Every structure is written in structure tokens, then in C-alpha cells.
Amino acid sequence: MKRNLGTIDRMLRILVGIVLIALAATGNIGWWGWIGVVPLLTGLFSTCPAYSLLGVNTCGLKSNK
């Protein structure tokens, strides 16, 4: 997959993912907090499948076409 997440977008996704997972692991929120795995992985891999479907790109790199 092509990279489509910019630096700020990646950092926010990773932060939100870690916070949700930590809250779920400590029991502060319900099992739904494990959904934090999704933003964490998309942030780590710098790609978002939903962005690809919608044609969104926050990366700032121009594609080589």
C-alpha cells in the first residue's frame, strides 16, 4: 500500500491508539477500547485503507505517476 498519512496524522493516531489500549487494559473503559489497535497500526504503517478509498492523502509527498 502507498503511504498516505502525514507526520502529525501518524503521531495522533499512534497516541490515540496507545491511550485507548492502555485504558482498556487497565479496565478504565470497556472492551471496545481495544479498537485502539486500528489507529495504532495505521499510524505505524503510515497508511490508512479508508483514506485510500476516499482519495485522501495527508502525507505531502507527491505520487510518481
PDB file of N, CA and C in Angstrom:
ATOM      1  N   MET A   1       0.838  -1.183   0.000  1.00  0.00           N
ATOM      2  CA  MET A   1       0.000   0.000   0.000  1.00  0.00           C
ATOM      3  C   MET A   1       0.880   1.242   0.000  1.00  0.00           C
ATOM      4  N   LYS A   2       0.373   2.283  -0.619  1.00  0.00           N
ATOM      5  CA  LYS A   2       1.092   3.547  -0.659  1.00  0.00           C
ATOM      6  C   LYS A   2       0.921   4.294   0.659  1.00  0.00           C
ATOM      7  N   ARG A   3       1.925   5.050   0.991  1.00  0.00           N
ATOM      8  CA  ARG A   3       1.899   5.862   2.195  1.00  0.00           C
ATOM      9  C   ARG A   3       0.950   7.035   1.968  1.00  0.00           C
ATOM     10  N   ASN A   4      -0.010   7.231   2.892  1.00  0.00           N
ATOM     11  CA  ASN A   4      -0.946   8.332   2.725  1.00  0.00           C
ATOM     12  C   ASN A   4      -1.218   9.095   4.027  1.00  0.00           C
ATOM     13  N   LEU A   5      -0.350   8.926   5.024  1.00  0.00           N
ATOM     14  CA  LEU A   5      -0.504   9.642   6.288  1.00  0.00           C
ATOM     15  C   LEU A   5       0.687  10.556   6.524  1.00  0.00           C
ATOM     16  N   GLY A   6       0.409  11.796   6.881  1.00  0.00           N
ATOM     17  CA  GLY A   6       1.456  12.745   7.216  1.00  0.00           C
ATOM     18  C   GLY A   6       1.942  12.533   8.643  1.00  0.00           C
ATOM     19  N   THR A   7       2.960  13.266   9.019  1.00  0.00           N
ATOM     20  CA  THR A   7       3.595  13.098  10.331  1.00  0.00           C
ATOM     21  C   THR A   7       2.639  13.389  11.482  1.00  0.00           C
ATOM     22  N   ILE A   8       1.927  14.491  11.423  1.00  0.00           N
ATOM     23  CA  ILE A   8       1.006  14.840  12.512  1.00  0.00           C
ATOM     24  C   ILE A   8      -0.118  13.822  12.603  1.00  0.00           C
ATOM     25  N   ASP A   9      -0.654  13.420  11.474  1.00  0.00           N
ATOM     26  CA  ASP A   9      -1.718  12.417  11.420  1.00  0.00           C
ATOM     27  C   ASP A   9      -1.235  11.100  12.041  1.00  0.00           C
ATOM     28  N   ARG A  10      -0.033  10.681  11.679  1.00  0.00           N
ATOM     29  CA  ARG A  10       0.549   9.448  12.224  1.00  0.00           C
ATOM     30  C   ARG A  10       0.709   9.531  13.734  1.00  0.00           C
ATOM     31  N   MET A  11       1.272  10.633  14.221  1.00  0.00           N
ATOM     32  CA  MET A  11       1.506  10.785  15.665  1.00  0.00           C
ATOM     33  C   MET A  11       0.212  10.779  16.453  1.00  0.00           C
ATOM     34  N   LEU A  12      -0.802  11.469  15.936  1.00  0.00           N
ATOM     35  CA  LEU A  12      -2.094  11.486  16.620  1.00  0.00           C
ATOM     36  C   LEU A  12      -2.726  10.094  16.657  1.00  0.00           C
ATOM     37  N   ARG A  13      -2.643   9.364  15.559  1.00  0.00           N
ATOM     38  CA  ARG A  13      -3.206   8.010  15.518  1.00  0.00           C
ATOM     39  C   ARG A  13      -2.488   7.094  16.498  1.00  0.00           C
ATOM     40  N   ILE A  14      -1.163   7.180  16.528  1.00  0.00           N
ATOM     41  CA  ILE A  14      -0.386   6.338  17.445  1.00  0.00           C
ATOM     42  C   ILE A  14      -0.726   6.683  18.896  1.00  0.00           C
ATOM     43  N   LEU A  15      -0.804   7.967  19.214  1.00  0.00           N
ATOM     44  CA  LEU A  15      -1.140   8.400  20.571  1.00  0.00           C
ATOM     45  C   LEU A  15      -2.529   7.934  20.990  1.00  0.00           C
ATOM     46  N   VAL A  16      -3.510   8.155  20.130  1.00  0.00           N
ATOM     47  CA  VAL A  16      -4.887   7.738  20.436  1.00  0.00           C
ATOM     48  C   VAL A  16      -4.957   6.222  20.602  1.00  0.00           C
ATOM     49  N   GLY A  17      -4.279   5.491  19.720  1.00  0.00           N
ATOM     50  CA  GLY A  17      -4.270   4.033  19.812  1.00  0.00           C
ATOM     51  C   GLY A  17      -3.684   3.540  21.118  1.00  0.00           C
ATOM     52  N   ILE A  18      -2.554   4.101  21.520  1.00  0.00           N
ATOM     53  CA  ILE A  18      -1.903   3.687  22.765  1.00  0.00           C
ATOM     54  C   ILE A  18      -2.777   4.016  23.968  1.00  0.00           C
ATOM     55  N   VAL A  19      -3.375   5.201  23.969  1.00  0.00           N
ATOM     56  CA  VAL A  19      -4.234   5.598  25.084  1.00  0.00           C
ATOM     57  C   VAL A  19      -5.444   4.671  25.191  1.00  0.00           C
ATOM     58  N   LEU A  20      -6.104   4.397  24.082  1.00  0.00           N
ATOM     59  CA  LEU A  20      -7.272   3.503  24.121  1.00  0.00           C
ATOM     60  C   LEU A  20      -6.899   2.103  24.595  1.00  0.00           C
ATOM     61  N   ILE A  21      -5.798   1.577  24.098  1.00  0.00           N
ATOM     62  CA  ILE A  21      -5.363   0.235  24.506  1.00  0.00           C
ATOM     63  C   ILE A  21      -5.016   0.214  25.995  1.00  0.00           C
ATOM     64  N   ALA A  22      -4.315   1.243  26.462  1.00  0.00           N
ATOM     65  CA  ALA A  22      -3.940   1.308  27.880  1.00  0.00           C
ATOM     66  C   ALA A  22      -5.181   1.396  28.769  1.00  0.00           C
ATOM     67  N   LEU A  23      -6.151   2.211  28.367  1.00  0.00           N
ATOM     68  CA  LEU A  23      -7.380   2.328  29.150  1.00  0.00           C
ATOM     69  C   LEU A  23      -8.166   1.019  29.174  1.00  0.00           C
ATOM     70  N   ALA A  24      -8.183   0.318  28.048  1.00  0.00           N
ATOM     71  CA  ALA A  24      -8.883  -0.973  28.002  1.00  0.00           C
ATOM     72  C   ALA A  24      -8.144  -2.018  28.836  1.00  0.00           C
ATOM     73  N   ALA A  25      -6.822  -2.009  28.778  1.00  0.00           N
ATOM     74  CA  ALA A  25      -6.027  -2.996  29.514  1.00  0.00           C
ATOM     75  C   ALA A  25      -6.141  -2.802  31.025  1.00  0.00           C
ATOM     76  N   THR A  26      -6.284  -1.561  31.464  1.00  0.00           N
ATOM     77  CA  THR A  26      -6.404  -1.292  32.896  1.00  0.00           C
ATOM     78  C   THR A  26      -7.841  -1.365  33.401  1.00  0.00           C
ATOM     79  N   GLY A  27      -8.784  -1.532  32.507  1.00  0.00           N
ATOM     80  CA  GLY A  27     -10.180  -1.678  32.896  1.00  0.00           C
ATOM     81  C   GLY A  27     -10.912  -0.362  33.091  1.00  0.00           C
ATOM     82  N   ASN A  28     -10.305   0.743  32.708  1.00  0.00           N
ATOM     83  CA  ASN A  28     -10.964   2.037  32.856  1.00  0.00           C
ATOM     84  C   ASN A  28     -12.091   2.238  31.860  1.00  0.00           C
ATOM     85  N   ILE A  29     -11.992   1.606  30.700  1.00  0.00           N
ATOM     86  CA  ILE A  29     -13.075   1.614  29.727  1.00  0.00           C
ATOM     87  C   ILE A  29     -13.342   0.163  29.334  1.00  0.00           C
ATOM     88  N   GLY A  30     -14.409  -0.059  28.666  1.00  0.00           N
ATOM     89  CA  GLY A  30     -14.804  -1.423  28.310  1.00  0.00           C
ATOM     90  C   GLY A  30     -13.928  -2.057  27.240  1.00  0.00           C
ATOM     91  N   TRP A  31     -14.359  -3.218  26.802  1.00  0.00           N
ATOM     92  CA  TRP A  31     -13.615  -3.984  25.801  1.00  0.00           C
ATOM     93  C   TRP A  31     -13.471  -3.232  24.494  1.00  0.00           C
ATOM     94  N   TRP A  32     -14.371  -2.293  24.234  1.00  0.00           N
ATOM     95  CA  TRP A  32     -14.334  -1.550  22.975  1.00  0.00           C
ATOM     96  C   TRP A  32     -13.059  -0.716  22.843  1.00  0.00           C
ATOM     97  N   GLY A  33     -12.355  -0.474  23.936  1.00  0.00           N
ATOM     98  CA  GLY A  33     -11.116   0.289  23.885  1.00  0.00           C
ATOM     99  C   GLY A  33     -10.030  -0.395  23.072  1.00  0.00           C
ATOM    100  N   TRP A  34     -10.181  -1.700  22.881  1.00  0.00           N
ATOM    101  CA  TRP A  34      -9.196  -2.443  22.077  1.00  0.00           C
ATOM    102  C   TRP A  34      -9.273  -2.050  20.606  1.00  0.00           C
ATOM    103  N   ILE A  35     -10.282  -1.264  20.237  1.00  0.00           N
ATOM    104  CA  ILE A  35     -10.349  -0.744  18.868  1.00  0.00           C
ATOM    105  C   ILE A  35      -9.163   0.186  18.610  1.00  0.00           C
ATOM    106  N   GLY A  36      -8.464   0.577  19.658  1.00  0.00           N
ATOM    107  CA  GLY A  36      -7.269   1.394  19.538  1.00  0.00           C
ATOM    108  C   GLY A  36      -6.170   0.730  18.734  1.00  0.00           C
ATOM    109  N   VAL A  37      -6.293  -0.571  18.529  1.00  0.00           N
ATOM    110  CA  VAL A  37      -5.320  -1.292  17.702  1.00  0.00           C
ATOM    111  C   VAL A  37      -5.362  -0.761  16.265  1.00  0.00           C
ATOM    112  N   VAL A  38      -6.531  -0.381  15.801  1.00  0.00           N
ATOM    113  CA  VAL A  38      -6.678   0.097  14.419  1.00  0.00           C
ATOM    114  C   VAL A  38      -5.907   1.395  14.177  1.00  0.00           C
ATOM    115  N   PRO A  39      -6.137   2.451  14.966  1.00  0.00           N
ATOM    116  CA  PRO A  39      -5.344   3.665  14.704  1.00  0.00           C
ATOM    117  C   PRO A  39      -3.855   3.460  14.977  1.00  0.00           C
ATOM    118  N   LEU A  40      -3.519   2.603  15.938  1.00  0.00           N
ATOM    119  CA  LEU A  40      -2.114   2.334  16.217  1.00  0.00           C
ATOM    120  C   LEU A  40      -1.431   1.703  15.008  1.00  0.00           C
ATOM    121  N   LEU A  41      -2.046   0.699  14.423  1.00  0.00           N
ATOM    122  CA  LEU A  41      -1.440   0.030  13.264  1.00  0.00           C
ATOM    123  C   LEU A  41      -1.409   0.923  12.031  1.00  0.00           C
ATOM    124  N   THR A  42      -2.476   1.682  11.805  1.00  0.00           N
ATOM    125  CA  THR A  42      -2.458   2.573  10.640  1.00  0.00           C
ATOM    126  C   THR A  42      -1.392   3.648  10.805  1.00  0.00           C
ATOM    127  N   GLY A  43      -1.191   4.114  12.024  1.00  0.00           N
ATOM    128  CA  GLY A  43      -0.145   5.092  12.272  1.00  0.00           C
ATOM    129  C   GLY A  43       1.246   4.508  12.106  1.00  0.00           C
ATOM    130  N   LEU A  44       1.449   3.289  12.584  1.00  0.00           N
ATOM    131  CA  LEU A  44       2.757   2.658  12.464  1.00  0.00           C
ATOM    132  C   LEU A  44       3.121   2.325  11.024  1.00  0.00           C
ATOM    133  N   PHE A  45       2.136   1.945  10.228  1.00  0.00           N
ATOM    134  CA  PHE A  45       2.399   1.575   8.842  1.00  0.00           C
ATOM    135  C   PHE A  45       2.233   2.742   7.862  1.00  0.00           C
ATOM    136  N   SER A  46       1.860   3.915   8.363  1.00  0.00           N
ATOM    137  CA  SER A  46       1.714   5.135   7.555  1.00  0.00           C
ATOM    138  C   SER A  46       0.724   5.015   6.416  1.00  0.00           C
ATOM    139  N   THR A  47      -0.243   4.159   6.571  1.00  0.00           N
ATOM    140  CA  THR A  47      -1.245   4.014   5.527  1.00  0.00           C
ATOM    141  C   THR A  47      -2.616   3.740   6.156  1.00  0.00           C
ATOM    142  N   CYS A  48      -3.640   4.323   5.551  1.00  0.00           N
ATOM    143  CA  CYS A  48      -4.999   4.136   6.025  1.00  0.00           C
ATOM    144  C   CYS A  48      -5.856   3.657   4.855  1.00  0.00           C
ATOM    145  N   PRO A  49      -6.402   2.457   4.944  1.00  0.00           N
ATOM    146  CA  PRO A  49      -7.238   1.946   3.856  1.00  0.00           C
ATOM    147  C   PRO A  49      -8.445   2.846   3.562  1.00  0.00           C
ATOM    148  N   ALA A  50      -9.030   3.446   4.579  1.00  0.00           N
ATOM    149  CA  ALA A  50     -10.173   4.335   4.353  1.00  0.00           C
ATOM    150  C   ALA A  50      -9.743   5.573   3.564  1.00  0.00           C
ATOM    151  N   TYR A  51      -8.572   6.111   3.882  1.00  0.00           N
ATOM    152  CA  TYR A  51      -8.061   7.249   3.119  1.00  0.00           C
ATOM    153  C   TYR A  51      -7.853   6.864   1.653  1.00  0.00           C
ATOM    154  N   SER A  52      -7.364   5.654   1.420  1.00  0.00           N
ATOM    155  CA  SER A  52      -7.151   5.195   0.049  1.00  0.00           C
ATOM    156  C   SER A  52      -8.461   5.143  -0.722  1.00  0.00           C
ATOM    157  N   LEU A  53      -9.507   4.626  -0.076  1.00  0.00           N
ATOM    158  CA  LEU A  53     -10.817   4.540  -0.730  1.00  0.00           C
ATOM    159  C   LEU A  53     -11.403   5.923  -1.026  1.00  0.00           C
ATOM    160  N   LEU A  54     -11.152   6.866  -0.126  1.00  0.00           N
ATOM    161  CA  LEU A  54     -11.713   8.208  -0.276  1.00  0.00           C
ATOM    162  C   LEU A  54     -10.817   9.151  -1.067  1.00  0.00           C
ATOM    163  N   GLY A  55      -9.613   8.715  -1.380  1.00  0.00           N
ATOM    164  CA  GLY A  55      -8.681   9.545  -2.136  1.00  0.00           C
ATOM    165  C   GLY A  55      -8.025  10.639  -1.307  1.00  0.00           C
ATOM    166  N   VAL A  56      -7.949  10.443   0.000  1.00  0.00           N
ATOM    167  CA  VAL A  56      -7.355  11.429   0.896  1.00  0.00           C
ATOM    168  C   VAL A  56      -5.871  11.105   1.083  1.00  0.00           C
ATOM    169  N   ASN A  57      -5.048  12.162   1.137  1.00  0.00           N
ATOM    170  CA  ASN A  57      -3.616  11.967   1.357  1.00  0.00           C
ATOM    171  C   ASN A  57      -3.104  13.129   2.191  1.00  0.00           C
ATOM    172  N   THR A  58      -2.661  12.847   3.428  1.00  0.00           N
ATOM    173  CA  THR A  58      -2.116  13.894   4.294  1.00  0.00           C
ATOM    174  C   THR A  58      -0.602  13.842   4.344  1.00  0.00           C
ATOM    175  N   CYS A  59      -0.016  13.000   3.528  1.00  0.00           N
ATOM    176  CA  CYS A  59       1.420  12.758   3.547  1.00  0.00           C
ATOM    177  C   CYS A  59       2.225  13.944   3.053  1.00  0.00           C
ATOM    178  N   GLY A  60       1.774  14.603   2.043  1.00  0.00           N
ATOM    179  CA  GLY A  60       2.517  15.712   1.495  1.00  0.00           C
ATOM    180  C   GLY A  60       3.495  15.303   0.416  1.00  0.00           C
ATOM    181  N   LEU A  61       3.765  14.015   0.271  1.00  0.00           N
ATOM    182  CA  LEU A  61       4.628  13.531  -0.807  1.00  0.00           C
ATOM    183  C   LEU A  61       3.801  13.413  -2.070  1.00  0.00           C
ATOM    184  N   LYS A  62       4.381  13.810  -3.172  1.00  0.00           N
ATOM    185  CA  LYS A  62       3.673  13.688  -4.442  1.00  0.00           C
ATOM    186  C   LYS A  62       3.905  12.305  -5.009  1.00  0.00           C
ATOM    187  N   SER A  63       2.858  11.725  -5.545  1.00  0.00           N
ATOM    188  CA  SER A  63       2.974  10.383  -6.113  1.00  0.00           C
ATOM    189  C   SER A  63       3.703  10.450  -7.452  1.00  0.00           C
ATOM    190  N   ASN A  64       4.422   9.417  -7.749  1.00  0.00           N
ATOM    191  CA  ASN A  64       5.158   9.319  -9.020  1.00  0.00           C
ATOM    192  C   ASN A  64       4.296   8.615 -10.043  1.00  0.00           C
ATOM    193  N   LYS A  65       3.663   9.381 -10.906  1.00  0.00           N
ATOM    194  CA  LYS A  65       2.794   8.773 -11.919  1.00  0.00           C
ATOM    195  C   LYS A  65       3.372   8.995 -13.278  1.00  0.00           C
TER     196      LYS A  65
END
